[in-house]
Amino acid sequence: MSLLRTIIRQMNEAASKQHTYPDWMKKHPDWIAKVDRGGRNLAKDAERRDQDKKRVHEANGSPVTVRDVQPLVNKLNKILKTAQDISNTKEVKKKTFRWQKDMSDAEALKVLQRQDHALKIKDGPKYIKLDRHEVAERQSHSGSGVFMIDKSDGRIYGIKGYGTPNKIPKHQYGTVADPATKRMAVTTAVLEKEEIMRMNIR
């Protein structure tokens, strides 16, 4: 056991001293290669951690914050609520669903309203995410991603997949200071897109 500890100690000492190895290790070039590779990997990991810390620090000091985004989200949610109310009322009047036969219009409307949705803000180190959640699921932490806002310049992007912004021009929605509100509302909408298209939104 003591021999093994001595070997480990000498290998660690060799790793800490660049290109300085005991004579017995020089007889095993493959051991030296492994020590060198391990040292390089440790250095890369440390560099990566430093870069991540730097990115988080820069993002935390960025000009765009959740507080800046909240008015836009409130406006979009108000538009969605108005459009959903119109859409739900139309669906109830159609009486096209089987479950409506034994319900009053008010009961049918409540059932449809449980499917209404709204945007919620989720903060991150580099991007602020806007996720779509069902309004009825107030305690739910799951949702589908819709937009991502770059904290460094306030640009609004659609998404390729959750957590990945889509930066091609047709998936850009302006900035927090000058958003494409109507396009954002239509993109967020599920069943009420037609109602939003008819609305006069600035």
C-alpha atoms as a PDB file:
ATOM      1  CA  MET A   1       0.000   0.000   0.000  1.00  0.00           C
ATOM      2  CA  SER A   2       2.799   2.403   0.890  1.00  0.00           C
ATOM      3  CA  LEU A   3       4.471   1.717  -2.490  1.00  0.00           C
ATOM      4  CA  LEU A   4       1.236   2.551  -4.281  1.00  0.00           C
ATOM      5  CA  ARG A   5       0.895   5.822  -2.350  1.00  0.00           C
ATOM      6  CA  THR A   6       4.484   6.720  -3.236  1.00  0.00           C
ATOM      7  CA  ILE A   7       3.815   6.092  -6.921  1.00  0.00           C
ATOM      8  CA  ILE A   8       0.627   8.201  -6.852  1.00  0.00           C
ATOM      9  CA  ARG A   9       2.419  11.004  -5.010  1.00  0.00           C
ATOM     10  CA  GLN A  10       5.289  10.991  -7.506  1.00  0.00           C
ATOM     11  CA  MET A  11       2.855  11.008 -10.427  1.00  0.00           C
ATOM     12  CA  ASN A  12       0.991  13.980  -8.926  1.00  0.00           C
ATOM     13  CA  GLU A  13       4.256  15.815  -8.329  1.00  0.00           C
ATOM     14  CA  ALA A  14       5.250  15.095 -11.904  1.00  0.00           C
ATOM     15  CA  ALA A  15       1.947  16.466 -13.158  1.00  0.00           C
ATOM     16  CA  SER A  16       2.444  19.690 -11.206  1.00  0.00           C
ATOM     17  CA  LYS A  17       5.954  20.204 -12.620  1.00  0.00           C
ATOM     18  CA  GLN A  18       5.848  20.688 -16.343  1.00  0.00           C
ATOM     19  CA  HIS A  19       7.967  18.092 -18.203  1.00  0.00           C
ATOM     20  CA  THR A  20       9.734  16.988 -15.011  1.00  0.00           C
ATOM     21  CA  TYR A  21       9.309  13.289 -14.292  1.00  0.00           C
ATOM     22  CA  PRO A  22      11.161  10.797 -12.072  1.00  0.00           C
ATOM     23  CA  ASP A  23      13.529   8.377 -13.821  1.00  0.00           C
ATOM     24  CA  TRP A  24      11.258   5.365 -13.301  1.00  0.00           C
ATOM     25  CA  MET A  25       8.419   7.180 -15.134  1.00  0.00           C
ATOM     26  CA  LYS A  26      10.658   7.961 -18.112  1.00  0.00           C
ATOM     27  CA  LYS A  27      10.709   4.233 -18.782  1.00  0.00           C
ATOM     28  CA  HIS A  28       6.917   4.379 -19.352  1.00  0.00           C
ATOM     29  CA  PRO A  29       6.130   6.971 -22.042  1.00  0.00           C
ATOM     30  CA  ASP A  30       2.439   5.949 -22.050  1.00  0.00           C
ATOM     31  CA  TRP A  31       2.161   6.924 -18.341  1.00  0.00           C
ATOM     32  CA  ILE A  32       3.731  10.301 -19.076  1.00  0.00           C
ATOM     33  CA  ALA A  33       1.281  10.826 -21.971  1.00  0.00           C
ATOM     34  CA  LYS A  34      -1.671  10.080 -19.661  1.00  0.00           C
ATOM     35  CA  VAL A  35      -0.430  12.546 -17.031  1.00  0.00           C
ATOM     36  CA  ASP A  36       0.055  15.245 -19.688  1.00  0.00           C
ATOM     37  CA  ARG A  37      -3.402  14.591 -21.124  1.00  0.00           C
ATOM     38  CA  GLY A  38      -4.962  14.773 -17.664  1.00  0.00           C
ATOM     39  CA  GLY A  39      -3.238  18.089 -16.992  1.00  0.00           C
ATOM     40  CA  ARG A  40      -4.473  19.541 -20.296  1.00  0.00           C
ATOM     41  CA  ASN A  41      -8.039  18.416 -19.557  1.00  0.00           C
ATOM     42  CA  LEU A  42      -7.925  20.037 -16.110  1.00  0.00           C
ATOM     43  CA  ALA A  43      -6.670  23.288 -17.646  1.00  0.00           C
ATOM     44  CA  LYS A  44      -9.465  23.236 -20.260  1.00  0.00           C
ATOM     45  CA  ASP A  45     -12.100  22.613 -17.584  1.00  0.00           C
ATOM     46  CA  ALA A  46     -10.803  25.526 -15.528  1.00  0.00           C
ATOM     47  CA  GLU A  47     -10.816  27.804 -18.590  1.00  0.00           C
ATOM     48  CA  ARG A  48     -14.383  26.761 -19.453  1.00  0.00           C
ATOM     49  CA  ARG A  49     -15.550  27.494 -15.910  1.00  0.00           C
ATOM     50  CA  ASP A  50     -13.928  30.940 -16.055  1.00  0.00           C
ATOM     51  CA  GLN A  51     -15.671  31.688 -19.366  1.00  0.00           C
ATOM     52  CA  ASP A  52     -19.061  30.601 -17.958  1.00  0.00           C
ATOM     53  CA  LYS A  53     -18.577  32.822 -14.901  1.00  0.00           C
ATOM     54  CA  LYS A  54     -17.629  35.724 -17.172  1.00  0.00           C
ATOM     55  CA  ARG A  55     -20.736  35.230 -19.348  1.00  0.00           C
ATOM     56  CA  VAL A  56     -23.033  35.105 -16.312  1.00  0.00           C
ATOM     57  CA  HIS A  57     -21.380  38.201 -14.832  1.00  0.00           C
ATOM     58  CA  GLU A  58     -21.733  40.118 -18.105  1.00  0.00           C
ATOM     59  CA  ALA A  59     -25.378  39.066 -18.480  1.00  0.00           C
ATOM     60  CA  ASN A  60     -26.200  40.048 -14.892  1.00  0.00           C
ATOM     61  CA  GLY A  61     -24.932  43.541 -15.616  1.00  0.00           C
ATOM     62  CA  SER A  62     -26.810  43.770 -18.914  1.00  0.00           C
ATOM     63  CA  PRO A  63     -29.176  46.605 -19.819  1.00  0.00           C
ATOM     64  CA  VAL A  64     -32.261  44.352 -20.264  1.00  0.00           C
ATOM     65  CA  THR A  65     -33.854  42.815 -17.180  1.00  0.00           C
ATOM     66  CA  VAL A  66     -37.077  40.981 -16.300  1.00  0.00           C
ATOM     67  CA  ARG A  67     -38.495  44.302 -15.098  1.00  0.00           C
ATOM     68  CA  ASP A  68     -38.009  45.743 -18.606  1.00  0.00           C
ATOM     69  CA  VAL A  69     -39.767  42.767 -20.219  1.00  0.00           C
ATOM     70  CA  GLN A  70     -42.766  42.619 -17.842  1.00  0.00           C
ATOM     71  CA  PRO A  71     -44.806  45.450 -19.526  1.00  0.00           C
ATOM     72  CA  LEU A  72     -44.509  43.673 -22.902  1.00  0.00           C
ATOM     73  CA  VAL A  73     -45.654  40.363 -21.383  1.00  0.00           C
ATOM     74  CA  ASN A  74     -48.591  42.088 -19.654  1.00  0.00           C
ATOM     75  CA  LYS A  75     -49.647  43.652 -22.968  1.00  0.00           C
ATOM     76  CA  LEU A  76     -49.401  40.340 -24.844  1.00  0.00           C
ATOM     77  CA  ASN A  77     -51.376  38.526 -22.142  1.00  0.00           C
ATOM     78  CA  LYS A  78     -54.105  41.180 -22.296  1.00  0.00           C
ATOM     79  CA  ILE A  79     -54.344  40.721 -26.087  1.00  0.00           C
ATOM     80  CA  LEU A  80     -54.483  36.946 -25.683  1.00  0.00           C
ATOM     81  CA  LYS A  81     -57.181  37.180 -23.013  1.00  0.00           C
ATOM     82  CA  THR A  82     -59.367  39.392 -25.229  1.00  0.00           C
ATOM     83  CA  ALA A  83     -58.918  37.087 -28.247  1.00  0.00           C
ATOM     84  CA  GLN A  84     -59.544  33.957 -26.174  1.00  0.00           C
ATOM     85  CA  ASP A  85     -62.779  35.407 -24.745  1.00  0.00           C
ATOM     86  CA  ILE A  86     -64.035  36.136 -28.270  1.00  0.00           C
ATOM     87  CA  SER A  87     -62.993  32.692 -29.534  1.00  0.00           C
ATOM     88  CA  ASN A  88     -64.485  30.829 -26.558  1.00  0.00           C
ATOM     89  CA  THR A  89     -67.817  32.676 -26.855  1.00  0.00           C
ATOM     90  CA  LYS A  90     -68.022  31.779 -30.557  1.00  0.00           C
ATOM     91  CA  GLU A  91     -67.298  28.119 -29.834  1.00  0.00           C
ATOM     92  CA  VAL A  92     -70.012  27.979 -27.165  1.00  0.00           C
ATOM     93  CA  LYS A  93     -72.560  29.520 -29.538  1.00  0.00           C
ATOM     94  CA  LYS A  94     -71.756  26.951 -32.244  1.00  0.00           C
ATOM     95  CA  LYS A  95     -72.711  24.087 -29.886  1.00  0.00           C
ATOM     96  CA  THR A  96     -70.637  21.716 -31.989  1.00  0.00           C
ATOM     97  CA  PHE A  97     -69.108  19.686 -29.131  1.00  0.00           C
ATOM     98  CA  ARG A  98     -70.822  16.602 -27.677  1.00  0.00           C
ATOM     99  CA  TRP A  99     -70.085  17.661 -24.115  1.00  0.00           C
ATOM    100  CA  GLN A 100     -72.181  20.807 -24.602  1.00  0.00           C
ATOM    101  CA  LYS A 101     -75.477  18.927 -24.879  1.00  0.00           C
ATOM    102  CA  ASP A 102     -75.941  18.568 -21.113  1.00  0.00           C
ATOM    103  CA  MET A 103     -74.337  21.900 -20.178  1.00  0.00           C
ATOM    104  CA  SER A 104     -75.471  25.480 -19.957  1.00  0.00           C
ATOM    105  CA  ASP A 105     -73.548  28.033 -22.017  1.00  0.00           C
ATOM    106  CA  ALA A 106     -71.899  29.345 -18.839  1.00  0.00           C
ATOM    107  CA  GLU A 107     -70.656  25.847 -17.893  1.00  0.00           C
ATOM    108  CA  ALA A 108     -69.382  25.218 -21.421  1.00  0.00           C
ATOM    109  CA  LEU A 109     -67.558  28.555 -21.361  1.00  0.00           C
ATOM    110  CA  LYS A 110     -65.806  27.618 -18.098  1.00  0.00           C
ATOM    111  CA  VAL A 111     -64.609  24.361 -19.659  1.00  0.00           C
ATOM    112  CA  LEU A 112     -63.115  26.231 -22.614  1.00  0.00           C
ATOM    113  CA  GLN A 113     -61.533  28.859 -20.358  1.00  0.00           C
ATOM    114  CA  ARG A 114     -59.542  26.128 -18.590  1.00  0.00           C
ATOM    115  CA  GLN A 115     -57.661  25.709 -21.870  1.00  0.00           C
ATOM    116  CA  ASP A 116     -56.709  29.410 -22.045  1.00  0.00           C
ATOM    117  CA  HIS A 117     -53.025  30.223 -21.867  1.00  0.00           C
ATOM    118  CA  ALA A 118     -50.701  33.106 -21.117  1.00  0.00           C
ATOM    119  CA  LEU A 119     -47.009  33.966 -21.294  1.00  0.00           C
ATOM    120  CA  LYS A 120     -44.759  33.669 -18.257  1.00  0.00           C
ATOM    121  CA  ILE A 121     -41.219  34.963 -17.812  1.00  0.00           C
ATOM    122  CA  LYS A 122     -38.319  32.669 -16.986  1.00  0.00           C
ATOM    123  CA  ASP A 123     -35.015  34.421 -16.310  1.00  0.00           C
ATOM    124  CA  GLY A 124     -31.643  32.972 -17.339  1.00  0.00           C
ATOM    125  CA  PRO A 125     -27.998  34.065 -17.369  1.00  0.00           C
ATOM    126  CA  LYS A 126     -27.926  35.116 -21.037  1.00  0.00           C
ATOM    127  CA  TYR A 127     -31.541  35.024 -22.223  1.00  0.00           C
ATOM    128  CA  ILE A 128     -34.962  35.801 -20.767  1.00  0.00           C
ATOM    129  CA  LYS A 129     -37.414  33.098 -21.872  1.00  0.00           C
ATOM    130  CA  LEU A 130     -41.115  33.668 -22.490  1.00  0.00           C
ATOM    131  CA  ASP A 131     -43.001  30.386 -22.063  1.00  0.00           C
ATOM    132  CA  ARG A 132     -46.640  29.589 -22.799  1.00  0.00           C
ATOM    133  CA  HIS A 133     -48.556  28.100 -19.843  1.00  0.00           C
ATOM    134  CA  GLU A 134     -52.183  27.158 -19.323  1.00  0.00           C
ATOM    135  CA  VAL A 135     -53.801  29.813 -17.123  1.00  0.00           C
ATOM    136  CA  ALA A 136     -55.647  27.177 -15.074  1.00  0.00           C
ATOM    137  CA  GLU A 137     -52.347  25.485 -14.140  1.00  0.00           C
ATOM    138  CA  ARG A 138     -51.199  28.264 -11.828  1.00  0.00           C
ATOM    139  CA  GLN A 139     -48.646  26.111  -9.968  1.00  0.00           C
ATOM    140  CA  SER A 140     -47.328  24.353 -13.065  1.00  0.00           C
ATOM    141  CA  HIS A 141     -43.619  24.797 -13.832  1.00  0.00           C
ATOM    142  CA  SER A 142     -43.881  23.140 -17.241  1.00  0.00           C
ATOM    143  CA  GLY A 143     -44.639  25.134 -20.360  1.00  0.00           C
ATOM    144  CA  SER A 144     -43.739  25.398 -24.006  1.00  0.00           C
ATOM    145  CA  GLY A 145     -41.108  27.893 -25.083  1.00  0.00           C
ATOM    146  CA  VAL A 146     -42.202  30.656 -27.470  1.00  0.00           C
ATOM    147  CA  PHE A 147     -39.648  33.508 -27.352  1.00  0.00           C
ATOM    148  CA  MET A 148     -36.145  34.230 -26.082  1.00  0.00           C
ATOM    149  CA  ILE A 149     -34.853  37.738 -25.368  1.00  0.00           C
ATOM    150  CA  ASP A 150     -31.128  38.466 -25.515  1.00  0.00           C
ATOM    151  CA  LYS A 151     -30.245  40.299 -22.308  1.00  0.00           C
ATOM    152  CA  SER A 152     -27.266  42.049 -23.910  1.00  0.00           C
ATOM    153  CA  ASP A 153     -29.259  44.002 -26.540  1.00  0.00           C
ATOM    154  CA  GLY A 154     -32.971  43.248 -25.955  1.00  0.00           C
ATOM    155  CA  ARG A 155     -33.525  41.467 -29.286  1.00  0.00           C
ATOM    156  CA  ILE A 156     -36.498  39.085 -29.352  1.00  0.00           C
ATOM    157  CA  TYR A 157     -36.152  35.727 -31.094  1.00  0.00           C
ATOM    158  CA  GLY A 158     -38.356  32.741 -31.736  1.00  0.00           C
ATOM    159  CA  ILE A 159     -36.954  29.343 -30.782  1.00  0.00           C
ATOM    160  CA  LYS A 160     -35.566  26.307 -32.622  1.00  0.00           C
ATOM    161  CA  GLY A 161     -36.003  24.118 -29.576  1.00  0.00           C
ATOM    162  CA  TYR A 162     -36.407  24.918 -25.913  1.00  0.00           C
ATOM    163  CA  GLY A 163     -33.437  27.049 -24.818  1.00  0.00           C
ATOM    164  CA  THR A 164     -32.143  27.616 -28.381  1.00  0.00           C
ATOM    165  CA  PRO A 165     -32.966  30.937 -30.090  1.00  0.00           C
ATOM    166  CA  ASN A 166     -33.783  30.992 -33.802  1.00  0.00           C
ATOM    167  CA  LYS A 167     -31.876  33.991 -35.171  1.00  0.00           C
ATOM    168  CA  ILE A 168     -32.938  33.875 -38.818  1.00  0.00           C
ATOM    169  CA  PRO A 169     -34.755  37.116 -39.827  1.00  0.00           C
ATOM    170  CA  LYS A 170     -38.299  35.704 -40.097  1.00  0.00           C
ATOM    171  CA  HIS A 171     -38.084  34.490 -36.490  1.00  0.00           C
ATOM    172  CA  GLN A 172     -37.010  37.858 -35.087  1.00  0.00           C
ATOM    173  CA  TYR A 173     -39.613  40.054 -33.382  1.00  0.00           C
ATOM    174  CA  GLY A 174     -37.867  43.393 -32.914  1.00  0.00           C
ATOM    175  CA  THR A 175     -36.555  44.476 -29.533  1.00  0.00           C
ATOM    176  CA  VAL A 176     -38.017  45.001 -26.070  1.00  0.00           C
ATOM    177  CA  ALA A 177     -38.026  48.757 -26.789  1.00  0.00           C
ATOM    178  CA  ASP A 178     -39.737  48.298 -30.190  1.00  0.00           C
ATOM    179  CA  PRO A 179     -41.423  44.858 -30.357  1.00  0.00           C
ATOM    180  CA  ALA A 180     -43.503  43.379 -33.191  1.00  0.00           C
ATOM    181  CA  THR A 181     -46.415  43.002 -30.763  1.00  0.00           C
ATOM    182  CA  LYS A 182     -49.057  41.704 -33.195  1.00  0.00           C
ATOM    183  CA  ARG A 183     -46.728  39.101 -34.709  1.00  0.00           C
ATOM    184  CA  MET A 184     -45.745  37.992 -31.210  1.00  0.00           C
ATOM    185  CA  ALA A 185     -49.410  37.659 -30.192  1.00  0.00           C
ATOM    186  CA  VAL A 186     -50.245  35.618 -33.310  1.00  0.00           C
ATOM    187  CA  THR A 187     -47.227  33.355 -32.718  1.00  0.00           C
ATOM    188  CA  THR A 188     -48.263  32.805 -29.083  1.00  0.00           C
ATOM    189  CA  ALA A 189     -51.917  32.116 -29.925  1.00  0.00           C
ATOM    190  CA  VAL A 190     -53.202  28.569 -30.413  1.00  0.00           C
ATOM    191  CA  LEU A 191     -56.883  28.665 -31.455  1.00  0.00           C
ATOM    192  CA  GLU A 192     -57.524  32.404 -31.523  1.00  0.00           C
ATOM    193  CA  LYS A 193     -55.118  33.555 -34.267  1.00  0.00           C
ATOM    194  CA  GLU A 194     -57.963  34.862 -36.486  1.00  0.00           C
ATOM    195  CA  GLU A 195     -59.340  37.048 -33.697  1.00  0.00           C
ATOM    196  CA  ILE A 196     -55.904  38.566 -33.082  1.00  0.00           C
ATOM    197  CA  MET A 197     -55.422  39.265 -36.802  1.00  0.00           C
ATOM    198  CA  ARG A 198     -58.664  41.291 -36.778  1.00  0.00           C
ATOM    199  CA  MET A 199     -57.603  43.340 -33.726  1.00  0.00           C
ATOM    200  CA  ASN A 200     -56.065  46.786 -34.113  1.00  0.00           C
ATOM    201  CA  ILE A 201     -52.800  46.286 -32.220  1.00  0.00           C
ATOM    202  CA  ARG A 202     -49.945  48.766 -32.016  1.00  0.00           C
END
